[in-house]
Protein backbone atom coordinates (compact mmCIF):
# COMPACT_ATOMS: atom_id res chain seq x y z
CA THR A 1 -19.78 15.33 21.19
CA GLY A 2 -17.14 14.70 18.53
CA LEU A 3 -19.52 15.50 15.66
CA LYS A 4 -19.13 18.69 13.66
CA GLU A 5 -22.16 20.82 12.98
CA ASN A 6 -22.98 21.23 9.30
CA PRO A 7 -22.94 24.97 8.56
CA GLU A 8 -23.89 26.39 5.18
CA PHE A 9 -21.41 25.30 2.57
CA ALA A 10 -18.31 27.49 2.55
CA LEU A 11 -18.25 27.33 -1.25
CA THR A 12 -20.82 27.05 -4.04
CA ALA A 13 -20.23 26.32 -7.73
CA PHE A 14 -22.26 27.58 -10.68
CA PRO A 15 -23.39 27.04 -13.36
CA ASN A 16 -23.68 23.33 -12.80
CA PRO A 17 -23.53 21.60 -15.24
CA ALA A 18 -20.99 23.68 -17.14
CA SER A 19 -19.29 23.47 -20.50
CA ASN A 20 -16.94 26.49 -20.57
CA SER A 21 -16.32 27.70 -17.02
CA ILE A 22 -17.55 27.47 -13.46
CA THR A 23 -17.57 30.14 -10.80
CA LEU A 24 -16.74 29.24 -7.21
CA GLN A 25 -18.32 31.58 -4.70
CA ALA A 26 -16.94 31.78 -1.16
CA ASN A 27 -19.66 31.89 1.51
CA SER A 28 -17.31 32.06 4.47
CA GLN A 29 -15.58 34.82 6.39
CA LYS A 30 -12.58 32.53 6.91
CA PRO A 31 -9.95 31.96 4.22
CA ILE A 32 -10.91 28.95 2.15
CA SER A 33 -9.02 26.75 -0.28
CA TYR A 34 -10.36 24.25 -2.78
CA GLN A 35 -9.17 21.23 -4.73
CA ILE A 36 -10.86 19.68 -7.76
CA THR A 37 -10.55 15.99 -8.63
CA ASP A 38 -12.11 13.79 -11.25
CA ILE A 39 -14.43 10.98 -10.20
CA LEU A 40 -11.45 8.61 -9.89
CA GLY A 41 -9.63 10.95 -7.49
CA LYS A 42 -7.06 12.35 -9.96
CA ILE A 43 -6.23 15.91 -8.94
CA ILE A 44 -7.26 18.35 -11.67
CA VAL A 45 -6.73 21.55 -9.64
CA PRO A 46 -4.45 21.25 -6.57
CA MET A 47 -5.43 22.88 -3.26
CA THR A 48 -5.73 26.56 -4.19
CA PRO A 49 -6.80 29.55 -2.07
CA VAL A 50 -9.97 31.30 -3.22
CA ALA A 51 -8.60 34.65 -4.32
CA SER A 52 -11.81 36.63 -3.86
CA GLU A 53 -15.51 36.13 -3.20
CA GLN A 54 -15.79 34.63 -6.70
CA THR A 55 -13.22 32.62 -8.60
CA ARG A 56 -13.78 31.63 -12.22
CA ILE A 57 -12.29 28.36 -13.51
CA ASN A 58 -12.00 27.44 -17.18
CA VAL A 59 -13.30 23.87 -17.66
CA SER A 60 -13.52 23.90 -21.46
CA ASN A 61 -10.44 21.68 -21.84
CA TRP A 62 -11.65 19.10 -19.28
CA ASN A 63 -13.18 15.85 -20.48
CA PRO A 64 -16.96 15.66 -20.01
CA GLY A 65 -17.73 13.96 -16.71
CA ILE A 66 -18.18 14.40 -12.99
CA TYR A 67 -15.67 16.35 -10.93
CA ILE A 68 -15.51 16.89 -7.18
CA VAL A 69 -14.72 20.19 -5.44
CA LYS A 70 -13.36 19.68 -1.92
CA THR A 71 -12.55 22.47 0.51
CA ASN A 72 -10.29 22.78 3.51
CA ASP A 73 -13.25 23.64 5.79
CA GLY A 74 -13.96 19.98 6.53
CA PHE A 75 -17.56 20.21 5.33
CA THR A 76 -17.88 21.12 1.68
CA VAL A 77 -17.79 18.50 -1.06
CA LEU A 78 -19.51 19.61 -4.28
CA PRO A 79 -20.04 17.49 -7.38
CA ILE A 80 -19.84 19.42 -10.66
CA LEU A 81 -20.70 18.15 -14.11
CA ARG A 82 -18.62 19.13 -17.14
CA THR A 83 -20.77 18.70 -20.26
CA ALA A 84 -19.71 18.60 -23.89
CA LEU A 85 -20.26 21.70 -25.99
CA SER A 86 -23.25 21.45 -28.27
CA GLN A 87 -22.37 21.22 -31.95
CA SER A 88 -24.97 23.61 -33.40
């Protein structure tokens, strides 16, 4: 059939929610790239190759809200939540 099987996600993001940084972890043997957009589709991080098994991204200067991580594998779409820093 024309349907793709849904393998394990090629990429995971943690911690989620995050206030300072997120780590993207590649779960694929194939090269993978990612793009991050805000909920309205504005590109925050353009399509970028994952440099190693884990890539750390500083999110501290992003506005609090929901962001979407998309990959070039055709399967992975991850929502991430950027929270405000607590004022304690």
